[in-house]
C-alpha cells in the first residue's frame, strides 16, 4: 500500500487532535472529489514499518495528546488498502487502547466484505458512502455530501 500524506498533528479530520494518514488508491471515481490525486494506487510512497512505528510513537506521545488516528484517502477500505491497514489498526488497539480510529470510505457499511469486515471491530467511527457532488454541503460535519453517513460504533 502507498500513502500520499501523513499529518502527525491534525485537528480537521475527526474529533480532537489526531494523527491522519491519507492512503493511495480508490476506484470510486466520484465527480468533484477533492483528492483525485489519491485515486492511483501507485501515488505517494510505500507504507512501511518505519511509518507504522512513527504513527504508534505519535499516538503514544504525551507532549501532544492525540485522541486517535484518522484514515482517509484514497479509500482505506479498498481491499488492497484494508489488507495493509488491518495489522496497523489491530496494533493500535493493542498498544494504544485509549485511542480511537476514524475511517472515511466510499463503500457503504452494507457493501463491506472479506478483509473490509475484518477492519470493523477496530474502527470507532466510519463515514461511508461515495461523494455525490449534487448533494455536497460544506456545512456538513465530517462529510462532503448529504448521502454520506456517520456510523459511531464505540464512542
N, C-alpha and C. Protein backbone atom coordinates (compact mmCIF):
# COMPACT_ATOMS: atom_id res chain seq x y z
N UNK A 1 0.84 -1.18 0.00
CA UNK A 1 0.00 0.00 0.00
C UNK A 1 0.89 1.24 0.00
N UNK A 2 0.44 2.25 -0.71
CA UNK A 2 1.10 3.54 -0.69
C UNK A 2 0.25 4.54 0.07
N UNK A 3 0.90 5.60 0.50
CA UNK A 3 0.16 6.70 1.13
C UNK A 3 0.67 8.01 0.55
N UNK A 4 -0.21 8.99 0.53
CA UNK A 4 0.11 10.31 -0.03
C UNK A 4 0.65 11.27 1.02
N UNK A 5 0.04 11.24 2.19
CA UNK A 5 0.38 12.24 3.20
C UNK A 5 0.12 11.68 4.59
N UNK A 6 0.95 12.09 5.51
CA UNK A 6 0.73 11.78 6.92
C UNK A 6 0.85 13.07 7.70
N UNK A 7 -0.18 13.35 8.51
CA UNK A 7 -0.17 14.51 9.39
C UNK A 7 -0.07 14.02 10.83
N UNK A 8 1.04 14.26 11.50
CA UNK A 8 1.18 13.79 12.88
C UNK A 8 0.31 14.57 13.86
N UNK A 9 -0.08 15.78 13.49
CA UNK A 9 -0.97 16.60 14.31
C UNK A 9 -2.03 17.19 13.38
N UNK A 10 -3.28 16.82 13.59
CA UNK A 10 -4.37 17.24 12.71
C UNK A 10 -5.60 17.52 13.56
N UNK A 11 -6.25 18.65 13.31
CA UNK A 11 -7.46 18.99 14.05
C UNK A 11 -8.67 19.13 13.12
N UNK A 12 -8.54 18.66 11.88
CA UNK A 12 -9.59 18.82 10.88
C UNK A 12 -10.33 17.51 10.60
N UNK A 13 -9.63 16.40 10.60
CA UNK A 13 -10.18 15.12 10.15
C UNK A 13 -10.60 14.24 11.31
N UNK A 14 -11.67 14.65 11.99
CA UNK A 14 -12.18 13.91 13.13
C UNK A 14 -12.14 14.75 14.39
N UNK A 15 -12.68 14.20 15.45
CA UNK A 15 -12.77 14.93 16.72
C UNK A 15 -11.42 14.96 17.43
N UNK A 16 -11.13 16.08 18.04
CA UNK A 16 -9.91 16.21 18.82
C UNK A 16 -8.67 16.35 17.95
N UNK A 17 -7.53 16.34 18.60
CA UNK A 17 -6.25 16.36 17.90
C UNK A 17 -5.91 14.92 17.53
N UNK A 18 -5.50 14.71 16.28
CA UNK A 18 -5.35 13.36 15.75
C UNK A 18 -4.10 13.23 14.90
N UNK A 19 -3.77 12.01 14.58
CA UNK A 19 -2.85 11.68 13.51
C UNK A 19 -3.73 11.30 12.31
N UNK A 20 -3.33 11.70 11.10
CA UNK A 20 -4.13 11.38 9.92
C UNK A 20 -3.24 10.84 8.82
N UNK A 21 -3.66 9.71 8.25
CA UNK A 21 -2.96 9.07 7.14
C UNK A 21 -3.88 9.05 5.93
N UNK A 22 -3.42 9.65 4.83
CA UNK A 22 -4.14 9.62 3.57
C UNK A 22 -3.52 8.55 2.69
N UNK A 23 -4.26 7.46 2.47
CA UNK A 23 -3.75 6.36 1.67
C UNK A 23 -4.00 6.61 0.19
N UNK A 24 -3.26 5.90 -0.65
CA UNK A 24 -3.43 5.97 -2.10
C UNK A 24 -4.30 4.83 -2.56
N UNK A 25 -5.09 5.09 -3.58
CA UNK A 25 -5.89 4.05 -4.21
C UNK A 25 -7.37 4.15 -3.92
N UNK A 26 -8.12 4.44 -4.97
CA UNK A 26 -9.57 4.50 -4.87
C UNK A 26 -10.13 4.22 -6.26
N UNK A 27 -11.16 3.40 -6.31
CA UNK A 27 -11.79 3.06 -7.60
C UNK A 27 -13.19 3.65 -7.74
N UNK A 28 -13.62 4.49 -6.81
CA UNK A 28 -14.98 5.04 -6.88
C UNK A 28 -15.12 6.11 -7.96
N UNK A 29 -14.08 6.92 -8.17
CA UNK A 29 -14.11 7.94 -9.22
C UNK A 29 -15.22 8.98 -9.03
N UNK A 30 -15.43 9.43 -7.82
CA UNK A 30 -16.51 10.39 -7.55
C UNK A 30 -16.25 11.72 -8.25
N UNK A 31 -17.24 12.19 -9.00
CA UNK A 31 -17.11 13.50 -9.66
C UNK A 31 -17.06 14.57 -8.58
N UNK A 32 -16.10 15.48 -8.70
CA UNK A 32 -15.94 16.55 -7.73
C UNK A 32 -15.09 16.16 -6.53
N UNK A 33 -14.50 14.97 -6.56
CA UNK A 33 -13.63 14.53 -5.47
C UNK A 33 -12.55 15.57 -5.22
N UNK A 34 -12.33 15.93 -3.97
CA UNK A 34 -11.33 16.94 -3.65
C UNK A 34 -9.91 16.36 -3.66
N UNK A 35 -9.79 15.05 -3.77
CA UNK A 35 -8.47 14.43 -3.66
C UNK A 35 -8.24 13.42 -4.79
N UNK A 36 -8.45 13.85 -6.03
CA UNK A 36 -8.31 12.96 -7.18
C UNK A 36 -6.91 12.38 -7.32
N UNK A 37 -5.91 13.08 -6.82
CA UNK A 37 -4.55 12.55 -6.92
C UNK A 37 -4.39 11.27 -6.10
N UNK A 38 -5.33 11.01 -5.21
CA UNK A 38 -5.26 9.81 -4.37
C UNK A 38 -5.86 8.59 -5.06
N UNK A 39 -6.43 8.73 -6.22
CA UNK A 39 -7.08 7.60 -6.89
C UNK A 39 -6.09 6.52 -7.31
N UNK A 40 -4.90 6.91 -7.72
CA UNK A 40 -3.91 5.94 -8.21
C UNK A 40 -3.28 5.18 -7.04
N UNK A 41 -3.24 3.86 -7.17
CA UNK A 41 -2.62 3.04 -6.12
C UNK A 41 -1.11 3.23 -6.07
N UNK A 42 -0.53 3.75 -7.13
CA UNK A 42 0.93 3.95 -7.16
C UNK A 42 1.34 5.36 -6.73
N UNK A 43 0.38 6.23 -6.45
CA UNK A 43 0.71 7.59 -6.00
C UNK A 43 1.35 7.53 -4.60
N UNK A 44 2.16 8.50 -4.32
CA UNK A 44 2.75 8.60 -2.99
C UNK A 44 3.94 7.68 -2.78
N UNK A 45 4.11 7.26 -1.55
CA UNK A 45 5.26 6.42 -1.17
C UNK A 45 4.76 5.18 -0.44
N UNK A 46 5.56 4.11 -0.44
CA UNK A 46 5.13 2.88 0.23
C UNK A 46 4.97 3.06 1.74
N UNK A 47 3.91 2.48 2.26
CA UNK A 47 3.71 2.42 3.70
C UNK A 47 4.59 1.30 4.23
N UNK A 48 5.50 1.64 5.13
CA UNK A 48 6.46 0.63 5.60
C UNK A 48 6.46 0.57 7.13
N UNK A 49 7.32 -0.29 7.64
CA UNK A 49 7.41 -0.48 9.09
C UNK A 49 7.80 0.82 9.80
N UNK A 50 8.67 1.60 9.19
CA UNK A 50 9.09 2.86 9.80
C UNK A 50 7.90 3.82 9.97
N UNK A 51 7.02 3.88 8.99
CA UNK A 51 5.84 4.75 9.10
C UNK A 51 4.88 4.20 10.16
N UNK A 52 4.72 2.90 10.20
CA UNK A 52 3.87 2.30 11.24
C UNK A 52 4.40 2.66 12.62
N UNK A 53 5.71 2.54 12.81
CA UNK A 53 6.34 2.88 14.09
C UNK A 53 6.13 4.35 14.43
N UNK A 54 6.23 5.21 13.42
CA UNK A 54 6.05 6.64 13.66
C UNK A 54 4.61 6.94 14.14
N UNK A 55 3.64 6.30 13.51
CA UNK A 55 2.24 6.52 13.91
C UNK A 55 2.04 6.08 15.37
N UNK A 56 2.56 4.91 15.71
CA UNK A 56 2.43 4.41 17.09
C UNK A 56 3.10 5.38 18.07
N UNK A 57 4.32 5.82 17.75
CA UNK A 57 5.04 6.78 18.61
C UNK A 57 4.24 8.07 18.78
N UNK A 58 3.70 8.57 17.66
CA UNK A 58 2.94 9.81 17.73
C UNK A 58 1.68 9.65 18.58
N UNK A 59 1.01 8.52 18.45
CA UNK A 59 -0.19 8.28 19.26
C UNK A 59 0.14 8.15 20.74
N UNK A 60 1.34 7.66 21.06
CA UNK A 60 1.76 7.49 22.45
C UNK A 60 2.45 8.72 23.02
N UNK A 61 2.71 9.71 22.20
CA UNK A 61 3.41 10.93 22.63
C UNK A 61 2.57 11.68 23.67
N UNK A 62 3.16 11.95 24.81
CA UNK A 62 2.44 12.64 25.88
C UNK A 62 2.58 14.16 25.78
N UNK A 63 3.50 14.64 24.95
CA UNK A 63 3.68 16.08 24.81
C UNK A 63 2.52 16.71 24.02
N UNK A 64 2.07 16.00 22.98
CA UNK A 64 0.91 16.42 22.20
C UNK A 64 -0.08 15.27 22.24
N UNK A 65 -1.09 15.39 23.08
CA UNK A 65 -2.04 14.30 23.25
C UNK A 65 -2.96 14.20 22.04
N UNK A 66 -2.95 13.03 21.42
CA UNK A 66 -3.84 12.78 20.29
C UNK A 66 -4.99 11.89 20.74
N UNK A 67 -6.16 12.17 20.20
CA UNK A 67 -7.35 11.37 20.50
C UNK A 67 -7.33 10.07 19.71
N UNK A 68 -6.70 10.09 18.53
CA UNK A 68 -6.67 8.86 17.74
C UNK A 68 -6.11 9.06 16.36
N UNK A 69 -6.41 8.08 15.51
CA UNK A 69 -5.93 8.05 14.13
C UNK A 69 -7.10 8.17 13.18
N UNK A 70 -6.94 9.00 12.15
CA UNK A 70 -7.91 9.10 11.07
C UNK A 70 -7.29 8.50 9.81
N UNK A 71 -8.07 7.69 9.11
CA UNK A 71 -7.64 7.07 7.85
C UNK A 71 -8.55 7.56 6.74
N UNK A 72 -7.95 8.20 5.74
CA UNK A 72 -8.71 8.74 4.62
C UNK A 72 -7.93 8.44 3.35
N UNK A 73 -8.28 9.10 2.29
CA UNK A 73 -7.54 8.75 1.07
C UNK A 73 -7.95 9.55 -0.13
N UNK A 74 -7.87 8.75 -1.17
CA UNK A 74 -8.00 7.32 -1.44
C UNK A 74 -9.12 6.70 -0.62
N UNK A 75 -9.10 5.39 -0.60
CA UNK A 75 -10.08 4.67 0.19
C UNK A 75 -9.39 3.63 1.06
N UNK A 76 -9.34 3.87 2.36
CA UNK A 76 -8.71 2.91 3.27
C UNK A 76 -9.37 1.54 3.26
N UNK A 77 -10.64 1.47 2.87
CA UNK A 77 -11.33 0.18 2.88
C UNK A 77 -11.33 -0.51 1.51
N UNK A 78 -10.62 0.06 0.54
CA UNK A 78 -10.42 -0.74 -0.67
C UNK A 78 -9.70 -2.00 -0.22
N UNK A 79 -10.08 -3.17 -0.71
CA UNK A 79 -9.47 -4.41 -0.21
C UNK A 79 -7.94 -4.40 -0.19
N UNK A 80 -7.31 -3.80 -1.19
CA UNK A 80 -5.84 -3.74 -1.19
C UNK A 80 -5.31 -2.92 -0.03
N UNK A 81 -5.99 -1.84 0.28
CA UNK A 81 -5.56 -0.99 1.39
C UNK A 81 -5.95 -1.59 2.75
N UNK A 82 -7.15 -2.14 2.82
CA UNK A 82 -7.59 -2.73 4.09
C UNK A 82 -6.68 -3.86 4.52
N UNK A 83 -6.20 -4.63 3.56
CA UNK A 83 -5.28 -5.72 3.87
C UNK A 83 -4.00 -5.20 4.53
N UNK A 84 -3.50 -4.07 4.04
CA UNK A 84 -2.28 -3.49 4.60
C UNK A 84 -2.56 -2.76 5.92
N UNK A 85 -3.75 -2.21 6.08
CA UNK A 85 -4.07 -1.43 7.28
C UNK A 85 -4.54 -2.29 8.45
N UNK A 86 -5.03 -3.48 8.18
CA UNK A 86 -5.55 -4.33 9.25
C UNK A 86 -4.51 -4.57 10.36
N UNK A 87 -3.27 -4.92 10.04
CA UNK A 87 -2.28 -5.08 11.13
C UNK A 87 -2.04 -3.79 11.91
N UNK A 88 -2.09 -2.65 11.25
CA UNK A 88 -1.89 -1.37 11.93
C UNK A 88 -3.02 -1.10 12.92
N UNK A 89 -4.27 -1.23 12.49
CA UNK A 89 -5.38 -0.92 13.39
C UNK A 89 -5.44 -1.91 14.55
N UNK A 90 -5.10 -3.16 14.30
CA UNK A 90 -5.02 -4.15 15.39
C UNK A 90 -3.97 -3.72 16.41
N UNK A 91 -2.82 -3.33 15.90
CA UNK A 91 -1.71 -2.92 16.78
C UNK A 91 -2.08 -1.68 17.60
N UNK A 92 -2.75 -0.73 16.95
CA UNK A 92 -3.16 0.48 17.67
C UNK A 92 -4.08 0.13 18.83
N UNK A 93 -5.04 -0.74 18.59
CA UNK A 93 -5.98 -1.10 19.65
C UNK A 93 -5.30 -1.89 20.77
N UNK A 94 -4.22 -2.60 20.46
CA UNK A 94 -3.47 -3.33 21.49
C UNK A 94 -2.55 -2.40 22.27
N UNK A 95 -1.80 -1.55 21.56
CA UNK A 95 -0.77 -0.73 22.18
C UNK A 95 -1.25 0.66 22.60
N UNK A 96 -2.35 1.10 22.03
CA UNK A 96 -2.90 2.43 22.34
C UNK A 96 -4.40 2.30 22.56
N UNK A 97 -4.83 1.52 23.54
CA UNK A 97 -6.25 1.21 23.68
C UNK A 97 -7.14 2.41 23.96
N UNK A 98 -6.55 3.52 24.39
CA UNK A 98 -7.35 4.71 24.66
C UNK A 98 -7.54 5.59 23.43
N UNK A 99 -7.01 5.19 22.27
CA UNK A 99 -7.11 5.97 21.04
C UNK A 99 -8.23 5.44 20.16
N UNK A 100 -8.92 6.35 19.49
CA UNK A 100 -9.98 5.93 18.57
C UNK A 100 -9.48 5.95 17.13
N UNK A 101 -10.20 5.26 16.28
CA UNK A 101 -9.85 5.16 14.86
C UNK A 101 -11.07 5.57 14.04
N UNK A 102 -10.86 6.58 13.19
CA UNK A 102 -11.89 7.07 12.27
C UNK A 102 -11.48 6.67 10.86
N UNK A 103 -12.45 6.26 10.05
CA UNK A 103 -12.19 5.85 8.66
C UNK A 103 -13.22 6.49 7.74
N UNK A 104 -12.74 7.05 6.61
CA UNK A 104 -13.60 7.56 5.55
C UNK A 104 -13.51 6.59 4.38
N UNK A 105 -14.67 6.16 3.87
CA UNK A 105 -14.70 5.20 2.77
C UNK A 105 -15.87 5.48 1.84
N UNK A 106 -15.65 5.25 0.56
CA UNK A 106 -16.73 5.34 -0.42
C UNK A 106 -17.66 4.14 -0.38
N UNK A 107 -17.21 3.06 0.25
CA UNK A 107 -18.06 1.87 0.38
C UNK A 107 -19.10 2.11 1.47
N UNK A 108 -20.31 1.63 1.24
CA UNK A 108 -21.35 1.64 2.26
C UNK A 108 -21.08 0.52 3.25
N UNK A 109 -21.46 0.72 4.48
CA UNK A 109 -21.30 -0.30 5.51
C UNK A 109 -21.89 -1.64 5.05
N UNK A 110 -23.03 -1.58 4.38
CA UNK A 110 -23.70 -2.81 3.92
C UNK A 110 -22.99 -3.49 2.76
N UNK A 111 -22.03 -2.81 2.13
CA UNK A 111 -21.30 -3.38 0.99
C UNK A 111 -20.00 -4.07 1.41
N UNK A 112 -19.60 -3.89 2.65
CA UNK A 112 -18.30 -4.41 3.08
C UNK A 112 -18.29 -5.93 3.10
N UNK A 113 -17.13 -6.49 2.75
CA UNK A 113 -16.95 -7.94 2.78
C UNK A 113 -15.48 -8.27 3.00
N UNK A 114 -15.23 -9.52 3.31
CA UNK A 114 -13.86 -10.00 3.46
C UNK A 114 -13.03 -9.19 4.44
N UNK A 115 -11.86 -8.76 3.97
CA UNK A 115 -10.92 -8.02 4.83
C UNK A 115 -11.51 -6.69 5.30
N UNK A 116 -12.43 -6.13 4.52
CA UNK A 116 -13.08 -4.89 4.95
C UNK A 116 -13.86 -5.13 6.26
N UNK A 117 -14.57 -6.24 6.32
CA UNK A 117 -15.31 -6.58 7.54
C UNK A 117 -14.38 -6.87 8.71
N UNK A 118 -13.21 -7.40 8.41
CA UNK A 118 -12.23 -7.68 9.47
C UNK A 118 -11.74 -6.39 10.11
N UNK A 119 -11.81 -5.28 9.39
CA UNK A 119 -11.39 -3.98 9.93
C UNK A 119 -12.41 -3.42 10.92
N UNK A 120 -13.69 -3.75 10.76
CA UNK A 120 -14.75 -3.11 11.53
C UNK A 120 -14.58 -3.16 13.05
N UNK A 121 -14.15 -4.29 13.64
CA UNK A 121 -14.02 -4.31 15.10
C UNK A 121 -13.02 -3.28 15.65
N UNK A 122 -12.16 -2.77 14.80
CA UNK A 122 -11.11 -1.83 15.23
C UNK A 122 -11.48 -0.37 14.93
N UNK A 123 -12.56 -0.16 14.20
CA UNK A 123 -12.99 1.18 13.80
C UNK A 123 -14.01 1.71 14.80
N UNK A 124 -13.78 2.92 15.27
CA UNK A 124 -14.72 3.56 16.19
C UNK A 124 -15.75 4.38 15.45
N UNK A 125 -15.32 5.06 14.38
CA UNK A 125 -16.23 5.89 13.58
C UNK A 125 -15.94 5.61 12.11
N UNK A 126 -17.00 5.31 11.36
CA UNK A 126 -16.90 5.11 9.91
C UNK A 126 -17.79 6.13 9.23
N UNK A 127 -17.22 6.89 8.31
CA UNK A 127 -18.01 7.78 7.46
C UNK A 127 -18.04 7.10 6.11
N UNK A 128 -19.23 6.66 5.70
CA UNK A 128 -19.32 5.83 4.49
C UNK A 128 -20.11 6.50 3.38
N UNK A 129 -19.91 5.99 2.18
CA UNK A 129 -20.65 6.46 1.02
C UNK A 129 -19.80 7.31 0.10
N UNK A 130 -20.09 7.16 -1.19
CA UNK A 130 -19.38 7.96 -2.20
C UNK A 130 -19.76 9.42 -2.07
N UNK A 131 -18.83 10.28 -2.47
CA UNK A 131 -19.12 11.71 -2.54
C UNK A 131 -20.00 11.94 -3.76
N UNK A 132 -21.14 12.61 -3.55
CA UNK A 132 -22.05 12.95 -4.65
C UNK A 132 -22.11 14.47 -4.74
N UNK A 133 -21.57 14.99 -5.83
CA UNK A 133 -21.43 16.43 -5.98
C UNK A 133 -22.75 17.17 -5.84
N UNK A 134 -23.84 16.60 -6.36
CA UNK A 134 -25.15 17.25 -6.30
C UNK A 134 -25.66 17.34 -4.86
N UNK A 135 -25.12 16.52 -3.96
CA UNK A 135 -25.54 16.54 -2.56
C UNK A 135 -24.49 17.18 -1.65
N UNK A 136 -23.48 17.81 -2.26
CA UNK A 136 -22.40 18.44 -1.50
C UNK A 136 -22.95 19.56 -0.63
N UNK A 137 -22.40 19.64 0.57
CA UNK A 137 -22.83 20.68 1.52
C UNK A 137 -21.65 20.98 2.44
N UNK A 138 -21.02 22.15 2.28
CA UNK A 138 -19.87 22.48 3.11
C UNK A 138 -20.20 22.64 4.59
N UNK A 139 -21.46 22.72 4.93
CA UNK A 139 -21.86 22.86 6.33
C UNK A 139 -21.91 21.52 7.07
N UNK A 140 -21.83 20.41 6.33
CA UNK A 140 -21.88 19.10 6.96
C UNK A 140 -20.62 18.84 7.77
N UNK A 141 -20.79 18.23 8.92
CA UNK A 141 -19.66 17.89 9.77
C UNK A 141 -19.08 16.54 9.36
N UNK A 142 -17.79 16.50 9.11
CA UNK A 142 -17.00 15.30 8.83
C UNK A 142 -17.31 14.62 7.49
N UNK A 143 -18.17 15.18 6.67
CA UNK A 143 -18.50 14.55 5.40
C UNK A 143 -18.74 15.61 4.35
N UNK A 144 -18.65 15.21 3.08
CA UNK A 144 -18.76 16.16 1.99
C UNK A 144 -20.13 16.26 1.36
N UNK A 145 -20.89 15.16 1.39
CA UNK A 145 -22.21 15.19 0.76
C UNK A 145 -23.23 14.52 1.68
N UNK A 146 -24.48 14.93 1.52
CA UNK A 146 -25.55 14.54 2.45
C UNK A 146 -25.85 13.04 2.47
N UNK A 147 -25.48 12.32 1.44
CA UNK A 147 -25.73 10.87 1.41
C UNK A 147 -24.77 10.09 2.31
N UNK A 148 -23.65 10.70 2.65
CA UNK A 148 -22.66 10.01 3.46
C UNK A 148 -23.15 9.93 4.91
N UNK A 149 -22.94 8.76 5.51
CA UNK A 149 -23.42 8.53 6.87
C UNK A 149 -22.26 8.41 7.85
N UNK A 150 -22.49 8.86 9.07
CA UNK A 150 -21.51 8.72 10.13
C UNK A 150 -21.99 7.59 11.04
N UNK A 151 -21.20 6.53 11.12
CA UNK A 151 -21.50 5.40 11.99
C UNK A 151 -20.57 5.46 13.19
N UNK A 152 -21.13 5.64 14.37
CA UNK A 152 -20.33 5.65 15.61
C UNK A 152 -20.51 4.29 16.28
N UNK A 153 -19.46 3.51 16.26
CA UNK A 153 -19.56 2.15 16.80
C UNK A 153 -19.23 2.07 18.27
N UNK A 154 -18.27 2.90 18.75
CA UNK A 154 -17.76 2.71 20.12
C UNK A 154 -17.67 3.97 20.95
N UNK A 155 -17.97 5.11 20.39
CA UNK A 155 -17.79 6.36 21.15
C UNK A 155 -19.05 6.75 21.89
